[in-house]
Amino acid sequence: MQEVFEEEDIPVAEFENIGLSKDGRIDLGEHDLKALLAGRRTAMLRLHNLEDGDVKIMHLDAKLSLRRNEQGNLDLMIHPVYREPEAPQYLTDNEAEKLAKGELVNLDKEVEINGVKKEVLIEFDKDTNEFVITDTERILAPDYVNNEELTPEQKLRFKKGKEVELSDGTKFRFSATDPNGIRSNKLHLIASLLIDGGLSYLLYQGLKALNKEDKVSEDYSRGYYDALEDMQVRQVKDRMKGQNVHSR
């Protein structure tokens, strides 16, 4: 996602209210914390001893996300398991049913929200029994995956939630319902973004399959290992650069 949050902006007090903060620090695993900072949802978490007015909840299974409010601050969003899914009004009954049953992985659709036309990607989160809507303008496609440059057509397919296939057989697609934000037929892959004239690398590990019936392979291409080596060289250079700055 294009919107990336800073860790110091996280509303720690809101995490304290749900028992996920210790000594002023967020008590989350690295994987879930990265998902939050990237504008995605965490995996399903069990929250304990929640209070809402006079209502006390011993425990609640939910996913978490962050959203920027009108004042520019971050709000903690809690996504519990809903008894009945509530489809957005711009979905037909047939579309909603196919998404909920998994007959459609996602749906790319132009809709009108508050008088403004937008192209959105609609998915169904089976964990929370909830429809998830993403503005496709906020989806940032990688420039390279496994050292292979994506074509404009491949980037467009990614933003629309469609499957992208590389020459090495690696397949992947965007998913807002997954903590990684991406699913693949490979357990690991490396995506790269061009930022300020240089490449920024992101290693995805433990990826889920594209579809429920698919398998995830640990057979990697030469491009993956080349990208891994380039990423490791960059990390070493960045550490050395940091040490030189500190020594001054």
Protein backbone atom coordinates (compact mmCIF):
# COMPACT_ATOMS: atom_id res chain seq x y z
CA MET A 1 0.00 0.00 0.00
CA GLN A 2 1.15 3.53 -0.70
CA GLU A 3 0.36 4.77 2.81
CA VAL A 4 3.11 3.64 5.18
CA PHE A 5 2.90 4.54 8.87
CA GLU A 6 5.73 5.35 11.26
CA GLU A 7 6.07 3.28 14.41
CA GLU A 8 6.27 6.37 16.62
CA ASP A 9 2.81 7.44 15.37
CA ILE A 10 1.08 4.27 16.58
CA PRO A 11 -1.60 5.08 19.22
CA VAL A 12 0.01 3.13 22.06
CA ALA A 13 -2.77 4.00 24.53
CA GLU A 14 -5.34 2.28 22.32
CA PHE A 15 -3.21 -0.85 22.30
CA GLU A 16 -2.97 -0.66 26.10
CA ASN A 17 -6.78 -0.76 26.25
CA ILE A 18 -6.80 -4.14 24.51
CA GLY A 19 -3.85 -5.56 26.42
CA LEU A 20 -1.33 -5.32 23.59
CA SER A 21 1.15 -2.85 25.04
CA LYS A 22 3.83 -3.26 27.70
CA ASP A 23 5.93 -0.45 29.15
CA GLY A 24 4.87 1.90 26.37
CA ARG A 25 5.77 -0.55 23.61
CA ILE A 26 3.46 -2.46 21.28
CA ASP A 27 3.28 -6.14 22.24
CA LEU A 28 2.97 -7.66 18.76
CA GLY A 29 5.05 -10.05 16.73
CA GLU A 30 7.31 -8.59 14.06
CA HIS A 31 5.14 -9.97 11.26
CA ASP A 32 1.95 -8.35 12.58
CA LEU A 33 3.70 -5.06 13.36
CA LYS A 34 5.04 -4.85 9.81
CA ALA A 35 1.55 -5.50 8.46
CA LEU A 36 0.16 -2.62 10.53
CA LEU A 37 2.87 -0.17 9.46
CA ALA A 38 2.30 -1.11 5.81
CA GLY A 39 -1.41 -0.28 6.08
CA ARG A 40 -2.53 -3.91 6.14
CA ARG A 41 -4.37 -6.11 8.62
CA THR A 42 -2.67 -8.34 11.14
CA ALA A 43 -3.32 -12.05 11.37
CA MET A 44 -6.15 -13.13 13.68
CA LEU A 45 -5.31 -12.27 17.30
CA ARG A 46 -6.99 -13.12 20.60
CA LEU A 47 -7.68 -9.99 22.66
CA HIS A 48 -8.41 -10.26 26.39
CA ASN A 49 -10.38 -8.29 29.00
CA LEU A 50 -11.99 -5.72 26.72
CA GLU A 51 -14.36 -3.06 28.03
CA ASP A 52 -16.90 -0.98 26.12
CA GLY A 53 -18.83 1.14 28.60
CA ASP A 54 -20.62 -1.27 30.93
CA VAL A 55 -19.93 -4.21 28.62
CA LYS A 56 -16.97 -6.42 29.50
CA ILE A 57 -15.62 -9.01 27.09
CA MET A 58 -13.36 -11.75 28.42
CA HIS A 59 -11.78 -12.44 25.04
CA LEU A 60 -12.33 -11.58 21.41
CA ASP A 61 -10.77 -12.93 18.22
CA ALA A 62 -10.08 -10.12 15.77
CA LYS A 63 -7.67 -8.62 13.26
CA LEU A 64 -6.18 -5.15 13.72
CA SER A 65 -5.35 -2.32 11.34
CA LEU A 66 -4.50 1.37 11.48
CA ARG A 67 -6.36 4.22 9.78
CA ARG A 68 -5.50 7.90 9.60
CA ASN A 69 -8.30 10.15 10.86
CA GLU A 70 -9.29 13.65 9.75
CA GLN A 71 -6.87 15.18 12.27
CA GLY A 72 -3.98 13.25 10.71
CA ASN A 73 -3.56 10.90 13.67
CA LEU A 74 -3.75 7.11 13.59
CA ASP A 75 -6.75 5.23 14.94
CA LEU A 76 -6.70 1.56 15.88
CA MET A 77 -9.31 -0.43 13.97
CA ILE A 78 -10.58 -3.76 15.36
CA HIS A 79 -12.04 -6.29 12.91
CA PRO A 80 -13.92 -9.00 14.85
CA VAL A 81 -15.66 -12.04 13.41
CA TYR A 82 -19.07 -10.97 12.16
CA ARG A 83 -22.03 -13.33 12.41
CA GLU A 84 -23.42 -12.24 9.06
CA PRO A 85 -21.42 -10.54 6.28
CA GLU A 86 -22.69 -7.13 5.24
CA ALA A 87 -22.06 -6.56 1.55
CA PRO A 88 -21.48 -3.01 0.25
CA GLN A 89 -24.46 -1.65 -1.63
CA TYR A 90 -22.63 -1.54 -4.96
CA LEU A 91 -22.27 -5.36 -5.00
CA THR A 92 -25.04 -7.41 -6.59
CA ASP A 93 -26.39 -10.36 -4.61
CA ASN A 94 -24.74 -12.71 -7.11
CA GLU A 95 -21.34 -10.98 -6.79
CA ALA A 96 -21.52 -10.98 -2.99
CA GLU A 97 -22.46 -14.65 -2.90
CA LYS A 98 -19.63 -15.69 -5.23
CA LEU A 99 -17.07 -13.73 -3.18
CA ALA A 100 -18.35 -15.17 0.11
CA LYS A 101 -18.28 -18.73 -1.25
CA GLY A 102 -14.79 -18.29 -2.70
CA GLU A 103 -15.99 -18.73 -6.27
CA LEU A 104 -14.44 -15.30 -6.93
CA VAL A 105 -11.01 -14.52 -5.43
CA ASN A 106 -11.69 -10.80 -5.75
CA LEU A 107 -13.63 -8.34 -7.87
CA ASP A 108 -12.27 -5.23 -9.56
CA LYS A 109 -15.11 -2.74 -9.96
CA GLU A 110 -15.72 0.96 -10.65
CA VAL A 111 -18.09 2.36 -8.03
CA GLU A 112 -19.36 5.71 -6.84
CA ILE A 113 -18.63 6.60 -3.22
CA ASN A 114 -19.93 9.93 -1.87
CA GLY A 115 -20.42 11.15 -5.43
CA VAL A 116 -16.87 10.27 -6.48
CA LYS A 117 -16.14 7.49 -8.96
CA LYS A 118 -13.41 5.12 -7.83
CA GLU A 119 -12.00 1.81 -8.93
CA VAL A 120 -11.94 -0.58 -5.99
CA LEU A 121 -10.83 -4.12 -5.34
CA ILE A 122 -13.32 -6.12 -3.29
CA GLU A 123 -12.31 -9.26 -1.37
CA PHE A 124 -13.97 -11.43 1.24
CA ASP A 125 -12.10 -12.15 4.47
CA LYS A 126 -13.25 -15.61 5.57
CA ASP A 127 -11.56 -15.17 8.95
CA THR A 128 -13.73 -12.20 9.92
CA ASN A 129 -16.69 -12.93 7.60
CA GLU A 130 -16.27 -9.44 6.13
CA PHE A 131 -15.99 -7.75 2.76
CA VAL A 132 -12.74 -5.78 2.39
CA ILE A 133 -12.62 -2.87 -0.05
CA THR A 134 -9.35 -1.35 -1.30
CA ASP A 135 -8.95 1.75 -3.47
CA THR A 136 -6.76 0.48 -6.33
CA GLU A 137 -5.04 3.89 -6.51
CA ARG A 138 -3.47 3.11 -3.12
CA ILE A 139 -2.03 -0.21 -4.27
CA LEU A 140 1.65 0.17 -5.12
CA ALA A 141 2.96 -2.39 -7.59
CA PRO A 142 6.62 -3.46 -7.27
CA ASP A 143 9.07 -2.49 -10.01
CA TYR A 144 10.91 -5.82 -9.82
CA VAL A 145 10.14 -9.27 -8.42
CA ASN A 146 13.00 -11.78 -8.17
CA ASN A 147 15.16 -9.35 -10.18
CA GLU A 148 12.71 -9.40 -13.11
CA GLU A 149 11.33 -6.00 -14.13
CA LEU A 150 7.55 -5.86 -14.30
CA THR A 151 5.95 -4.51 -17.46
CA PRO A 152 3.31 -1.76 -17.26
CA GLU A 153 0.69 -4.43 -18.04
CA GLN A 154 1.90 -6.63 -15.18
CA LYS A 155 1.83 -3.69 -12.76
CA LEU A 156 -1.74 -2.89 -13.81
CA ARG A 157 -2.76 -6.51 -13.31
CA PHE A 158 -1.24 -6.44 -9.81
CA LYS A 159 -3.16 -3.28 -8.87
CA LYS A 160 -6.39 -4.90 -10.09
CA GLY A 161 -5.78 -7.97 -7.93
CA LYS A 162 -5.10 -10.23 -10.91
CA GLU A 163 -2.46 -12.94 -11.05
CA VAL A 164 0.96 -11.94 -12.39
CA GLU A 165 3.36 -14.56 -13.76
CA LEU A 166 7.12 -14.12 -14.25
CA SER A 167 9.31 -15.87 -16.81
CA ASP A 168 10.68 -18.13 -14.04
CA GLY A 169 7.18 -19.47 -13.28
CA THR A 170 6.66 -17.41 -10.12
CA LYS A 171 3.04 -16.30 -9.76
CA PHE A 172 1.68 -13.74 -7.32
CA ARG A 173 -1.19 -11.33 -6.72
CA PHE A 174 -2.13 -8.56 -4.32
CA SER A 175 -4.39 -9.42 -1.38
CA ALA A 176 -5.59 -6.95 1.24
CA THR A 177 -6.91 -9.80 3.41
CA ASP A 178 -3.44 -11.32 3.81
CA PRO A 179 -1.01 -9.83 6.39
CA ASN A 180 1.75 -9.93 3.74
CA GLY A 181 -0.45 -8.10 1.25
CA ILE A 182 0.55 -10.66 -1.37
CA ARG A 183 -0.02 -14.35 -2.19
CA SER A 184 2.16 -16.54 -4.38
CA ASN A 185 2.88 -20.03 -5.65
CA LYS A 186 6.32 -19.66 -4.00
CA LEU A 187 6.96 -19.71 -0.26
CA HIS A 188 9.39 -16.78 -0.56
CA LEU A 189 9.95 -14.00 -3.08
CA ILE A 190 11.75 -10.67 -3.21
CA ALA A 191 10.08 -7.50 -4.45
CA SER A 192 11.94 -4.29 -5.26
CA LEU A 193 10.86 -0.68 -5.58
CA LEU A 194 12.70 2.17 -7.25
CA ILE A 195 12.99 4.90 -4.61
CA ASP A 196 15.07 8.04 -5.12
CA GLY A 197 17.00 6.41 -7.95
CA GLY A 198 17.89 3.30 -5.93
CA LEU A 199 16.30 -0.08 -5.31
CA SER A 200 14.61 -0.88 -2.02
CA TYR A 201 14.24 -4.61 -1.34
CA LEU A 202 11.52 -6.45 0.55
CA LEU A 203 11.80 -10.15 1.35
CA TYR A 204 8.47 -11.95 1.66
CA GLN A 205 8.63 -15.19 3.62
CA GLY A 206 6.06 -17.86 4.43
CA LEU A 207 3.64 -16.74 1.74
CA LYS A 208 0.24 -18.37 1.41
CA ALA A 209 -0.96 -20.05 -1.76
CA LEU A 210 -2.78 -18.13 -4.47
CA ASN A 211 -5.88 -20.25 -3.93
CA LYS A 212 -6.96 -22.68 -1.24
CA GLU A 213 -6.48 -25.74 -3.44
CA ASP A 214 -3.02 -24.66 -4.67
CA LYS A 215 0.34 -25.67 -3.23
CA VAL A 216 3.27 -23.41 -2.36
CA SER A 217 6.67 -24.35 -3.79
CA GLU A 218 10.12 -23.96 -2.23
CA ASP A 219 11.76 -24.34 -5.63
CA TYR A 220 13.37 -20.96 -6.37
CA SER A 221 14.77 -19.49 -9.57
CA ARG A 222 18.18 -17.98 -10.26
CA GLY A 223 16.50 -14.57 -10.23
CA TYR A 224 15.36 -15.07 -6.62
CA TYR A 225 18.88 -15.94 -5.45
CA ASP A 226 20.36 -13.03 -7.41
CA ALA A 227 17.88 -10.65 -5.78
CA LEU A 228 18.64 -12.15 -2.36
CA GLU A 229 22.37 -11.58 -2.90
CA ASP A 230 21.77 -7.99 -4.08
CA MET A 231 19.60 -7.34 -1.01
CA GLN A 232 22.24 -8.70 1.35
CA VAL A 233 24.97 -6.58 -0.29
CA ARG A 234 22.75 -3.50 0.10
CA GLN A 235 22.17 -4.29 3.78
CA VAL A 236 25.92 -4.56 4.40
CA LYS A 237 26.56 -1.24 2.61
CA ASP A 238 23.79 0.46 4.61
CA ARG A 239 25.24 -0.84 7.90
CA MET A 240 28.74 0.34 6.97
CA LYS A 241 27.37 3.72 5.94
CA GLY A 242 25.57 4.02 9.29
CA GLN A 243 28.72 3.12 11.20
CA ASN A 244 30.75 5.73 9.31
CA VAL A 245 28.19 8.43 10.08
CA HIS A 246 28.15 7.42 13.75
CA SER A 247 31.97 7.46 13.99
CA ARG A 248 32.04 11.07 12.85
